[in-house]
Amino acid sequence: MKNQQDHIHIFSGEIADYWIEDGILFSQSKPIKRTVPLIQENIELVKKITQNQAMPLLIYLCKSPVPDKETRQFSREQLSQVYKAMAMVSAPGLSQLIMKMVFQFQKPPIPIKSFSREESALQWLQQFK
């Protein structure tokens, strides 16, 4: 995970911590099971942080329990409301597993790509700023 500098404000949520750097929203996910109410709460937090502007997101994934079908569907529907694109940084295989679970039968509503290195993810996200 990127070293968070002292001058960066960290917004702490139930399922992730967030901060903004150079027009990109960063997220450190937490190992908690996602539910519709938690996703709703998180969407409100993100909208507050970004002042209701969709932004590119770089998310550092961690292993967490698999959400139910309703939560996965709700998450899919909300993505384009808050993010322009999503770069997922994780150990090999984890982000592919999440993509398979959440987008098994549908194309993602925003550009989403998996990375094992933060530098590559940041470079890809630049086009969405």
C-alpha atoms as a PDB file:
ATOM      1  CA  MET A   1       0.000   0.000   0.000  1.00  0.00           C
ATOM      2  CA  LYS A   2       1.122   3.524  -0.724  1.00  0.00           C
ATOM      3  CA  ASN A   3       2.711   5.380   2.183  1.00  0.00           C
ATOM      4  CA  GLN A   4       0.095   7.813   3.399  1.00  0.00           C
ATOM      5  CA  GLN A   5       1.762  11.106   4.159  1.00  0.00           C
ATOM      6  CA  ASP A   6       0.870  13.180   7.205  1.00  0.00           C
ATOM      7  CA  HIS A   7      -0.773  15.963   5.191  1.00  0.00           C
ATOM      8  CA  ILE A   8      -3.274  13.619   3.550  1.00  0.00           C
ATOM      9  CA  HIS A   9      -6.679  13.418   5.219  1.00  0.00           C
ATOM     10  CA  ILE A  10      -7.828   9.816   5.686  1.00  0.00           C
ATOM     11  CA  PHE A  11     -11.585   9.206   5.682  1.00  0.00           C
ATOM     12  CA  SER A  12     -12.405   6.041   7.598  1.00  0.00           C
ATOM     13  CA  GLY A  13     -15.432   3.935   6.672  1.00  0.00           C
ATOM     14  CA  GLU A  14     -16.756   0.541   7.715  1.00  0.00           C
ATOM     15  CA  ILE A  15     -15.549  -1.283   4.605  1.00  0.00           C
ATOM     16  CA  ALA A  16     -12.602   0.907   3.550  1.00  0.00           C
ATOM     17  CA  ASP A  17     -10.448   3.927   4.296  1.00  0.00           C
ATOM     18  CA  TYR A  18     -10.178   6.641   1.616  1.00  0.00           C
ATOM     19  CA  TRP A  19      -7.945   9.529   0.635  1.00  0.00           C
ATOM     20  CA  ILE A  20      -7.462  11.687  -2.471  1.00  0.00           C
ATOM     21  CA  GLU A  21      -4.165  12.382  -4.202  1.00  0.00           C
ATOM     22  CA  ASP A  22      -3.668  14.134  -7.528  1.00  0.00           C
ATOM     23  CA  GLY A  23      -7.280  13.707  -8.696  1.00  0.00           C
ATOM     24  CA  ILE A  24      -7.459  10.009  -7.798  1.00  0.00           C
ATOM     25  CA  LEU A  25      -9.465   8.488  -4.960  1.00  0.00           C
ATOM     26  CA  PHE A  26      -7.507   5.818  -3.082  1.00  0.00           C
ATOM     27  CA  SER A  27      -9.148   3.097  -1.021  1.00  0.00           C
ATOM     28  CA  GLN A  28      -7.731   0.541   1.405  1.00  0.00           C
ATOM     29  CA  SER A  29     -10.395  -2.152   1.718  1.00  0.00           C
ATOM     30  CA  LYS A  30     -11.135  -3.842   5.039  1.00  0.00           C
ATOM     31  CA  PRO A  31     -11.841  -7.564   5.585  1.00  0.00           C
ATOM     32  CA  ILE A  32     -15.515  -7.165   6.444  1.00  0.00           C
ATOM     33  CA  LYS A  33     -18.500  -8.804   4.730  1.00  0.00           C
ATOM     34  CA  ARG A  34     -20.258  -6.340   2.450  1.00  0.00           C
ATOM     35  CA  THR A  35     -24.033  -5.932   2.829  1.00  0.00           C
ATOM     36  CA  VAL A  36     -26.477  -3.620   1.059  1.00  0.00           C
ATOM     37  CA  PRO A  37     -26.686  -1.269   4.102  1.00  0.00           C
ATOM     38  CA  LEU A  38     -22.875  -1.137   4.357  1.00  0.00           C
ATOM     39  CA  ILE A  39     -22.544  -0.444   0.623  1.00  0.00           C
ATOM     40  CA  GLN A  40     -25.202   2.307   0.892  1.00  0.00           C
ATOM     41  CA  GLU A  41     -23.309   3.869   3.800  1.00  0.00           C
ATOM     42  CA  ASN A  42     -20.048   3.618   1.882  1.00  0.00           C
ATOM     43  CA  ILE A  43     -21.521   5.243  -1.242  1.00  0.00           C
ATOM     44  CA  GLU A  44     -22.657   8.193   0.900  1.00  0.00           C
ATOM     45  CA  LEU A  45     -19.169   8.478   2.412  1.00  0.00           C
ATOM     46  CA  VAL A  46     -17.534   8.447  -1.027  1.00  0.00           C
ATOM     47  CA  LYS A  47     -19.965  11.091  -2.339  1.00  0.00           C
ATOM     48  CA  LYS A  48     -19.131  13.265   0.664  1.00  0.00           C
ATOM     49  CA  ILE A  49     -15.377  12.830   0.138  1.00  0.00           C
ATOM     50  CA  THR A  50     -15.560  13.560  -3.610  1.00  0.00           C
ATOM     51  CA  GLN A  51     -18.230  16.270  -3.309  1.00  0.00           C
ATOM     52  CA  ASN A  52     -20.553  14.205  -5.521  1.00  0.00           C
ATOM     53  CA  GLN A  53     -18.036  14.058  -8.399  1.00  0.00           C
ATOM     54  CA  ALA A  54     -17.250  10.675  -9.957  1.00  0.00           C
ATOM     55  CA  MET A  55     -13.506  10.024  -9.714  1.00  0.00           C
ATOM     56  CA  PRO A  56     -11.060   7.332 -10.777  1.00  0.00           C
ATOM     57  CA  LEU A  57     -10.494   4.869  -7.919  1.00  0.00           C
ATOM     58  CA  LEU A  58      -7.385   2.926  -6.989  1.00  0.00           C
ATOM     59  CA  ILE A  59      -8.398   0.262  -4.500  1.00  0.00           C
ATOM     60  CA  TYR A  60      -6.021  -1.893  -2.486  1.00  0.00           C
ATOM     61  CA  LEU A  61      -7.965  -5.135  -2.067  1.00  0.00           C
ATOM     62  CA  CYS A  62      -7.835  -7.488   0.863  1.00  0.00           C
ATOM     63  CA  LYS A  63      -9.544 -10.834   1.335  1.00  0.00           C
ATOM     64  CA  SER A  64     -13.045 -10.481   2.725  1.00  0.00           C
ATOM     65  CA  PRO A  65     -16.125 -12.724   2.959  1.00  0.00           C
ATOM     66  CA  VAL A  66     -18.123 -13.168  -0.246  1.00  0.00           C
ATOM     67  CA  PRO A  67     -21.168 -10.856  -0.296  1.00  0.00           C
ATOM     68  CA  ASP A  68     -24.610 -12.231  -1.137  1.00  0.00           C
ATOM     69  CA  LYS A  69     -26.174 -11.915  -4.591  1.00  0.00           C
ATOM     70  CA  GLU A  70     -28.285  -8.871  -3.650  1.00  0.00           C
ATOM     71  CA  THR A  71     -25.223  -7.010  -2.357  1.00  0.00           C
ATOM     72  CA  ARG A  72     -23.192  -7.839  -5.474  1.00  0.00           C
ATOM     73  CA  GLN A  73     -26.038  -6.591  -7.695  1.00  0.00           C
ATOM     74  CA  PHE A  74     -26.443  -3.389  -5.668  1.00  0.00           C
ATOM     75  CA  SER A  75     -22.674  -2.751  -5.816  1.00  0.00           C
ATOM     76  CA  ARG A  76     -22.683  -3.147  -9.606  1.00  0.00           C
ATOM     77  CA  GLU A  77     -25.544  -0.669  -9.932  1.00  0.00           C
ATOM     78  CA  GLN A  78     -23.795   1.942  -7.765  1.00  0.00           C
ATOM     79  CA  LEU A  79     -20.313   1.903  -9.342  1.00  0.00           C
ATOM     80  CA  SER A  80     -20.947   4.454 -12.088  1.00  0.00           C
ATOM     81  CA  GLN A  81     -22.563   6.824  -9.565  1.00  0.00           C
ATOM     82  CA  VAL A  82     -19.273   7.413  -7.745  1.00  0.00           C
ATOM     83  CA  TYR A  83     -16.362   6.195  -9.889  1.00  0.00           C
ATOM     84  CA  LYS A  84     -15.117   6.935 -13.423  1.00  0.00           C
ATOM     85  CA  ALA A  85     -12.862   3.876 -13.463  1.00  0.00           C
ATOM     86  CA  MET A  86     -11.480   1.365 -10.973  1.00  0.00           C
ATOM     87  CA  ALA A  87      -7.968  -0.028 -10.715  1.00  0.00           C
ATOM     88  CA  MET A  88      -7.710  -2.945  -8.282  1.00  0.00           C
ATOM     89  CA  VAL A  89      -4.314  -3.637  -6.723  1.00  0.00           C
ATOM     90  CA  SER A  90      -3.923  -6.994  -5.026  1.00  0.00           C
ATOM     91  CA  ALA A  91      -2.029 -10.229  -4.816  1.00  0.00           C
ATOM     92  CA  PRO A  92      -2.333 -12.212  -8.054  1.00  0.00           C
ATOM     93  CA  GLY A  93      -5.698 -13.946  -8.368  1.00  0.00           C
ATOM     94  CA  LEU A  94      -7.663 -11.971  -5.760  1.00  0.00           C
ATOM     95  CA  SER A  95      -8.993  -9.232  -8.052  1.00  0.00           C
ATOM     96  CA  GLN A  96      -9.788 -11.772 -10.780  1.00  0.00           C
ATOM     97  CA  LEU A  97     -11.855 -13.717  -8.250  1.00  0.00           C
ATOM     98  CA  ILE A  98     -13.761 -10.563  -7.257  1.00  0.00           C
ATOM     99  CA  MET A  99     -14.356  -9.631 -10.907  1.00  0.00           C
ATOM    100  CA  LYS A 100     -15.694 -13.125 -11.602  1.00  0.00           C
ATOM    101  CA  MET A 101     -18.054 -12.959  -8.610  1.00  0.00           C
ATOM    102  CA  VAL A 102     -19.405  -9.455  -9.178  1.00  0.00           C
ATOM    103  CA  PHE A 103     -19.442  -9.342 -12.986  1.00  0.00           C
ATOM    104  CA  GLN A 104     -20.049 -12.986 -13.806  1.00  0.00           C
ATOM    105  CA  PHE A 105     -22.936 -12.348 -16.211  1.00  0.00           C
ATOM    106  CA  GLN A 106     -22.663  -8.635 -16.961  1.00  0.00           C
ATOM    107  CA  LYS A 107     -20.052  -6.283 -18.321  1.00  0.00           C
ATOM    108  CA  PRO A 108     -18.823  -3.789 -15.665  1.00  0.00           C
ATOM    109  CA  PRO A 109     -20.551  -0.374 -15.904  1.00  0.00           C
ATOM    110  CA  ILE A 110     -17.169   1.426 -15.707  1.00  0.00           C
ATOM    111  CA  PRO A 111     -13.655   0.522 -16.891  1.00  0.00           C
ATOM    112  CA  ILE A 112     -12.136  -1.883 -14.345  1.00  0.00           C
ATOM    113  CA  LYS A 113      -8.701  -3.430 -14.462  1.00  0.00           C
ATOM    114  CA  SER A 114      -6.603  -5.585 -12.120  1.00  0.00           C
ATOM    115  CA  PHE A 115      -2.985  -4.881 -11.230  1.00  0.00           C
ATOM    116  CA  SER A 116      -0.333  -6.418  -9.020  1.00  0.00           C
ATOM    117  CA  ARG A 117       1.683  -3.174  -8.945  1.00  0.00           C
ATOM    118  CA  GLU A 118       0.485   0.258  -7.815  1.00  0.00           C
ATOM    119  CA  GLU A 119       2.608   2.099 -10.407  1.00  0.00           C
ATOM    120  CA  SER A 120       0.867   0.328 -13.300  1.00  0.00           C
ATOM    121  CA  ALA A 121      -2.562   1.022 -11.791  1.00  0.00           C
ATOM    122  CA  LEU A 122      -1.808   4.738 -11.374  1.00  0.00           C
ATOM    123  CA  GLN A 123      -0.516   4.985 -14.923  1.00  0.00           C
ATOM    124  CA  TRP A 124      -3.701   3.373 -16.291  1.00  0.00           C
ATOM    125  CA  LEU A 125      -5.978   5.628 -14.189  1.00  0.00           C
ATOM    126  CA  GLN A 126      -4.414   8.849 -15.514  1.00  0.00           C
ATOM    127  CA  GLN A 127      -6.610   8.688 -18.640  1.00  0.00           C
ATOM    128  CA  PHE A 128      -9.775   8.940 -16.499  1.00  0.00           C
ATOM    129  CA  LYS A 129      -8.859  12.063 -14.502  1.00  0.00           C
END
